C-alpha atoms as a PDB file:
ATOM      1  CA  MET A   1       3.130  82.376  50.534  1.00  0.00           C
ATOM      2  CA  ALA A   2       4.761  83.160  47.244  1.00  0.00           C
ATOM      3  CA  GLY A   3       1.882  85.133  45.673  1.00  0.00           C
ATOM      4  CA  VAL A   4       1.052  87.424  48.604  1.00  0.00           C
ATOM      5  CA  ARG A   5       1.865  91.089  48.076  1.00  0.00           C
ATOM      6  CA  ARG A   6       3.446  92.674  51.103  1.00  0.00           C
ATOM      7  CA  PRO A   7       2.385  96.248  51.963  1.00  0.00           C
ATOM      8  CA  ASN A   8       5.076  98.790  51.207  1.00  0.00           C
ATOM      9  CA  PHE A   9       5.266 102.134  53.017  1.00  0.00           C
ATOM     10  CA  PRO A  10       7.939 103.784  50.797  1.00  0.00           C
ATOM     11  CA  LEU A  11       6.059 102.897  47.615  1.00  0.00           C
ATOM     12  CA  ALA A  12       2.803 104.047  49.252  1.00  0.00           C
ATOM     13  CA  PHE A  13       4.241 107.556  49.714  1.00  0.00           C
ATOM     14  CA  ILE A  14       5.310 107.847  46.073  1.00  0.00           C
ATOM     15  CA  LEU A  15       2.132 106.402  44.557  1.00  0.00           C
ATOM     16  CA  ALA A  16      -0.172 108.375  46.873  1.00  0.00           C
ATOM     17  CA  ILE A  17       1.436 111.661  45.854  1.00  0.00           C
ATOM     18  CA  ALA A  18       1.206 110.674  42.177  1.00  0.00           C
ATOM     19  CA  ALA A  19      -2.444 109.637  42.585  1.00  0.00           C
ATOM     20  CA  GLY A  20      -3.355 112.988  44.141  1.00  0.00           C
ATOM     21  CA  GLY A  21      -1.672 114.903  41.329  1.00  0.00           C
ATOM     22  CA  ALA A  22      -3.244 112.686  38.663  1.00  0.00           C
ATOM     23  CA  ALA A  23      -6.697 113.123  40.201  1.00  0.00           C
ATOM     24  CA  ALA A  24      -6.239 116.905  40.142  1.00  0.00           C
ATOM     25  CA  PHE A  25      -5.185 116.763  36.485  1.00  0.00           C
ATOM     26  CA  VAL A  26      -8.187 114.679  35.414  1.00  0.00           C
ATOM     27  CA  ILE A  27     -10.684 116.742  37.434  1.00  0.00           C
ATOM     28  CA  SER A  28      -9.208 119.969  36.062  1.00  0.00           C
ATOM     29  CA  LEU A  29      -9.190 118.682  32.510  1.00  0.00           C
ATOM     30  CA  LEU A  30     -12.884 117.813  32.799  1.00  0.00           C
ATOM     31  CA  MET A  31     -14.016 121.020  34.511  1.00  0.00           C
ATOM     32  CA  ILE A  32     -11.834 123.800  33.081  1.00  0.00           C
ATOM     33  CA  PRO A  33     -13.487 123.867  29.642  1.00  0.00           C
ATOM     34  CA  PHE A  34     -16.760 124.747  31.380  1.00  0.00           C
ATOM     35  CA  MET A  35     -15.344 127.180  33.936  1.00  0.00           C
ATOM     36  CA  GLY A  36     -12.155 128.578  32.448  1.00  0.00           C
ATOM     37  CA  ASN A  37     -11.300 131.588  30.352  1.00  0.00           C
ATOM     38  CA  GLU A  38     -11.873 131.625  26.610  1.00  0.00           C
ATOM     39  CA  SER A  39      -8.296 130.441  25.975  1.00  0.00           C
ATOM     40  CA  GLU A  40      -8.958 127.391  28.178  1.00  0.00           C
ATOM     41  CA  LYS A  41     -12.016 126.210  26.247  1.00  0.00           C
ATOM     42  CA  SER A  42      -9.860 124.256  23.777  1.00  0.00           C
ATOM     43  CA  PHE A  43      -8.250 120.944  24.674  1.00  0.00           C
ATOM     44  CA  ASP A  44      -4.754 122.469  24.513  1.00  0.00           C
ATOM     45  CA  GLY A  45      -5.721 125.367  26.765  1.00  0.00           C
ATOM     46  CA  ALA A  46      -7.510 123.104  29.239  1.00  0.00           C
ATOM     47  CA  ALA A  47      -4.594 120.649  29.285  1.00  0.00           C
ATOM     48  CA  THR A  48      -2.115 123.459  29.950  1.00  0.00           C
ATOM     49  CA  ALA A  49      -4.196 124.844  32.820  1.00  0.00           C
ATOM     50  CA  ALA A  50      -4.828 121.321  34.175  1.00  0.00           C
ATOM     51  CA  ALA A  51      -1.099 120.573  34.132  1.00  0.00           C
ATOM     52  CA  LEU A  52      -0.361 123.742  36.099  1.00  0.00           C
ATOM     53  CA  ILE A  53      -3.088 122.974  38.628  1.00  0.00           C
ATOM     54  CA  ALA A  54      -1.895 119.359  38.902  1.00  0.00           C
ATOM     55  CA  THR A  55       1.641 120.577  39.599  1.00  0.00           C
ATOM     56  CA  TYR A  56       0.435 122.670  42.536  1.00  0.00           C
ATOM     57  CA  ALA A  57      -1.800 119.824  43.708  1.00  0.00           C
ATOM     58  CA  THR A  58       1.121 117.404  43.606  1.00  0.00           C
ATOM     59  CA  VAL A  59       3.192 119.697  45.817  1.00  0.00           C
ATOM     60  CA  ILE A  60       0.283 120.023  48.269  1.00  0.00           C
ATOM     61  CA  CYS A  61      -0.261 116.228  48.195  1.00  0.00           C
ATOM     62  CA  PHE A  62       3.456 115.762  48.847  1.00  0.00           C
ATOM     63  CA  VAL A  63       3.322 117.848  52.014  1.00  0.00           C
ATOM     64  CA  TYR A  64       0.112 116.271  53.291  1.00  0.00           C
ATOM     65  CA  THR A  65       1.273 112.742  52.471  1.00  0.00           C
ATOM     66  CA  ILE A  66       4.618 113.205  54.179  1.00  0.00           C
ATOM     67  CA  LEU A  67       3.075 114.721  57.316  1.00  0.00           C
ATOM     68  CA  LEU A  68       0.081 112.398  57.648  1.00  0.00           C
ATOM     69  CA  GLY A  69       1.903 109.371  56.239  1.00  0.00           C
ATOM     70  CA  ILE A  70       4.715 109.611  58.762  1.00  0.00           C
ATOM     71  CA  GLY A  71       2.072 109.877  61.481  1.00  0.00           C
ATOM     72  CA  VAL A  72       0.340 106.758  60.158  1.00  0.00           C
ATOM     73  CA  VAL A  73       3.614 104.820  59.947  1.00  0.00           C
ATOM     74  CA  ILE A  74       4.427 105.745  63.538  1.00  0.00           C
ATOM     75  CA  TYR A  75       0.890 104.851  64.639  1.00  0.00           C
ATOM     76  CA  VAL A  76       0.970 101.432  62.922  1.00  0.00           C
ATOM     77  CA  ARG A  77       4.426 100.586  64.189  1.00  0.00           C
ATOM     78  CA  ASN A  78       3.680 101.651  67.793  1.00  0.00           C
ATOM     79  CA  THR A  79       0.160 100.320  68.204  1.00  0.00           C
ATOM     80  CA  ARG A  80       0.317  97.349  65.804  1.00  0.00           C
ATOM     81  CA  ARG A  81      -3.110  98.441  64.567  1.00  0.00           C
ATOM     82  CA  VAL A  82      -3.914  99.201  60.944  1.00  0.00           C
ATOM     83  CA  PRO A  83      -6.452 101.943  60.192  1.00  0.00           C
ATOM     84  CA  SER A  84      -9.368 100.933  57.975  1.00  0.00           C
ATOM     85  CA  LEU A  85      -9.901 102.369  54.504  1.00  0.00           C
ATOM     86  CA  SER A  86     -12.816 104.456  55.813  1.00  0.00           C
ATOM     87  CA  THR A  87     -10.555 105.907  58.520  1.00  0.00           C
ATOM     88  CA  ALA A  88      -7.923 106.756  55.908  1.00  0.00           C
ATOM     89  CA  LEU A  89     -10.508 108.432  53.667  1.00  0.00           C
ATOM     90  CA  VAL A  90     -12.007 110.454  56.516  1.00  0.00           C
ATOM     91  CA  ALA A  91      -8.542 111.558  57.660  1.00  0.00           C
ATOM     92  CA  GLY A  92      -7.657 112.547  54.095  1.00  0.00           C
ATOM     93  CA  LEU A  93     -10.886 114.487  53.648  1.00  0.00           C
ATOM     94  CA  LEU A  94     -10.537 116.281  56.972  1.00  0.00           C
ATOM     95  CA  ALA A  95      -6.905 117.199  56.448  1.00  0.00           C
ATOM     96  CA  GLY A  96      -6.869 117.743  52.696  1.00  0.00           C
ATOM     97  CA  GLY A  97     -10.427 118.737  51.875  1.00  0.00           C
ATOM     98  CA  ILE A  98     -11.747 120.888  54.703  1.00  0.00           C
ATOM     99  CA  PRO A  99      -9.128 123.681  54.446  1.00  0.00           C
ATOM    100  CA  PHE A 100      -9.865 124.174  50.739  1.00  0.00           C
ATOM    101  CA  VAL A 101     -13.628 124.019  51.252  1.00  0.00           C
ATOM    102  CA  ALA A 102     -13.453 126.464  54.166  1.00  0.00           C
ATOM    103  CA  MET A 103     -11.243 128.977  52.341  1.00  0.00           C
ATOM    104  CA  PRO A 104     -13.886 130.323  49.924  1.00  0.00           C
ATOM    105  CA  LEU A 105     -16.459 130.341  52.726  1.00  0.00           C
ATOM    106  CA  PHE A 106     -14.119 132.391  54.904  1.00  0.00           C
ATOM    107  CA  GLN A 107     -13.423 134.710  51.966  1.00  0.00           C
ATOM    108  CA  TYR A 108     -17.162 135.195  51.427  1.00  0.00           C
ATOM    109  CA  LEU A 109     -17.771 135.874  55.136  1.00  0.00           C
ATOM    110  CA  GLN A 110     -15.074 138.555  55.002  1.00  0.00           C
ATOM    111  CA  HIS A 111     -17.236 140.279  52.336  1.00  0.00           C
ATOM    112  CA  GLY A 112     -14.919 139.149  49.578  1.00  0.00           C
ATOM    113  CA  SER A 113     -15.935 137.960  46.179  1.00  0.00           C
ATOM    114  CA  PRO A 114     -14.630 134.433  45.655  1.00  0.00           C
ATOM    115  CA  SER A 115     -14.210 133.367  42.041  1.00  0.00           C
ATOM    116  CA  LYS A 116     -15.790 130.313  40.373  1.00  0.00           C
ATOM    117  CA  PHE A 117     -12.436 128.628  40.823  1.00  0.00           C
ATOM    118  CA  ASP A 118     -12.494 129.291  44.583  1.00  0.00           C
ATOM    119  CA  ILE A 119     -16.121 128.297  45.090  1.00  0.00           C
ATOM    120  CA  VAL A 120     -16.396 125.244  42.826  1.00  0.00           C
ATOM    121  CA  LEU A 121     -13.166 123.942  41.346  1.00  0.00           C
ATOM    122  CA  LEU A 122     -10.820 124.320  44.326  1.00  0.00           C
ATOM    123  CA  PRO A 123     -13.026 122.336  46.757  1.00  0.00           C
ATOM    124  CA  ILE A 124     -13.695 119.618  44.165  1.00  0.00           C
ATOM    125  CA  LEU A 125      -9.981 119.384  43.394  1.00  0.00           C
ATOM    126  CA  ALA A 126      -9.090 119.194  47.079  1.00  0.00           C
ATOM    127  CA  ILE A 127     -11.695 116.527  47.834  1.00  0.00           C
ATOM    128  CA  GLY A 128     -10.849 114.474  44.731  1.00  0.00           C
ATOM    129  CA  SER A 129      -7.109 114.642  45.388  1.00  0.00           C
ATOM    130  CA  ALA A 130      -7.574 113.848  49.081  1.00  0.00           C
ATOM    131  CA  ILE A 131      -9.632 110.757  48.274  1.00  0.00           C
ATOM    132  CA  ALA A 132      -7.171 109.549  45.622  1.00  0.00           C
ATOM    133  CA  THR A 133      -4.155 110.166  47.866  1.00  0.00           C
ATOM    134  CA  ALA A 134      -5.647 108.525  50.967  1.00  0.00           C
ATOM    135  CA  TRP A 135      -6.974 105.547  49.022  1.00  0.00           C
ATOM    136  CA  MET A 136      -3.654 104.911  47.277  1.00  0.00           C
ATOM    137  CA  PHE A 137      -1.645 105.237  50.495  1.00  0.00           C
ATOM    138  CA  TRP A 138      -3.986 102.781  52.212  1.00  0.00           C
ATOM    139  CA  ALA A 139      -4.069 100.343  49.262  1.00  0.00           C
ATOM    140  CA  VAL A 140      -0.287 100.164  48.878  1.00  0.00           C
ATOM    141  CA  GLY A 141       0.931 100.780  52.421  1.00  0.00           C
ATOM    142  CA  LEU A 142      -1.778  99.430  54.694  1.00  0.00           C
ATOM    143  CA  ARG A 143      -4.076  96.926  52.969  1.00  0.00           C
ATOM    144  CA  GLY A 144      -3.135  93.412  54.015  1.00  0.00           C
ATOM    145  CA  ARG A 145      -0.699  94.585  56.658  1.00  0.00           C
ATOM    146  CA  THR A 146      -0.635  92.399  59.732  1.00  0.00           C
ATOM    147  CA  VAL A 147       0.780  93.108  63.157  1.00  0.00           C
ATOM    148  CA  ALA A 148       3.890  91.110  62.218  1.00  0.00           C
ATOM    149  CA  ASP A 149       4.692  93.507  59.332  1.00  0.00           C
END
């Protein structure tokens, strides 16, 4: 068929990493004015902080996407089975979200004093980026893939 889009693993890696970084930027831009320092209450200050956070998030998404994505490619090629979107989202949340949700909890249990960033923003960023990354990887690299791919 001429109009059928063929899933594309290489493009899925690139777009998934970009989606995770973009999600972190948007989430940060929306939340930092309410949680940040006085200098971050303006749009310029919030955008600067959001860009820095998105840069770190993109690097983290890169590592997670490469590690999990290679595992998914190997799984699909060896088993000829394609994970569902819900499986991709759960895997993304478990791998990308849980460590950043558990970190402030562990810090608190060690009688530390986690910041607002650690307690609220970091878990929301991790979960939002994980969902965006997993969804994009699935949409571009897995959706519509058949065993013949």
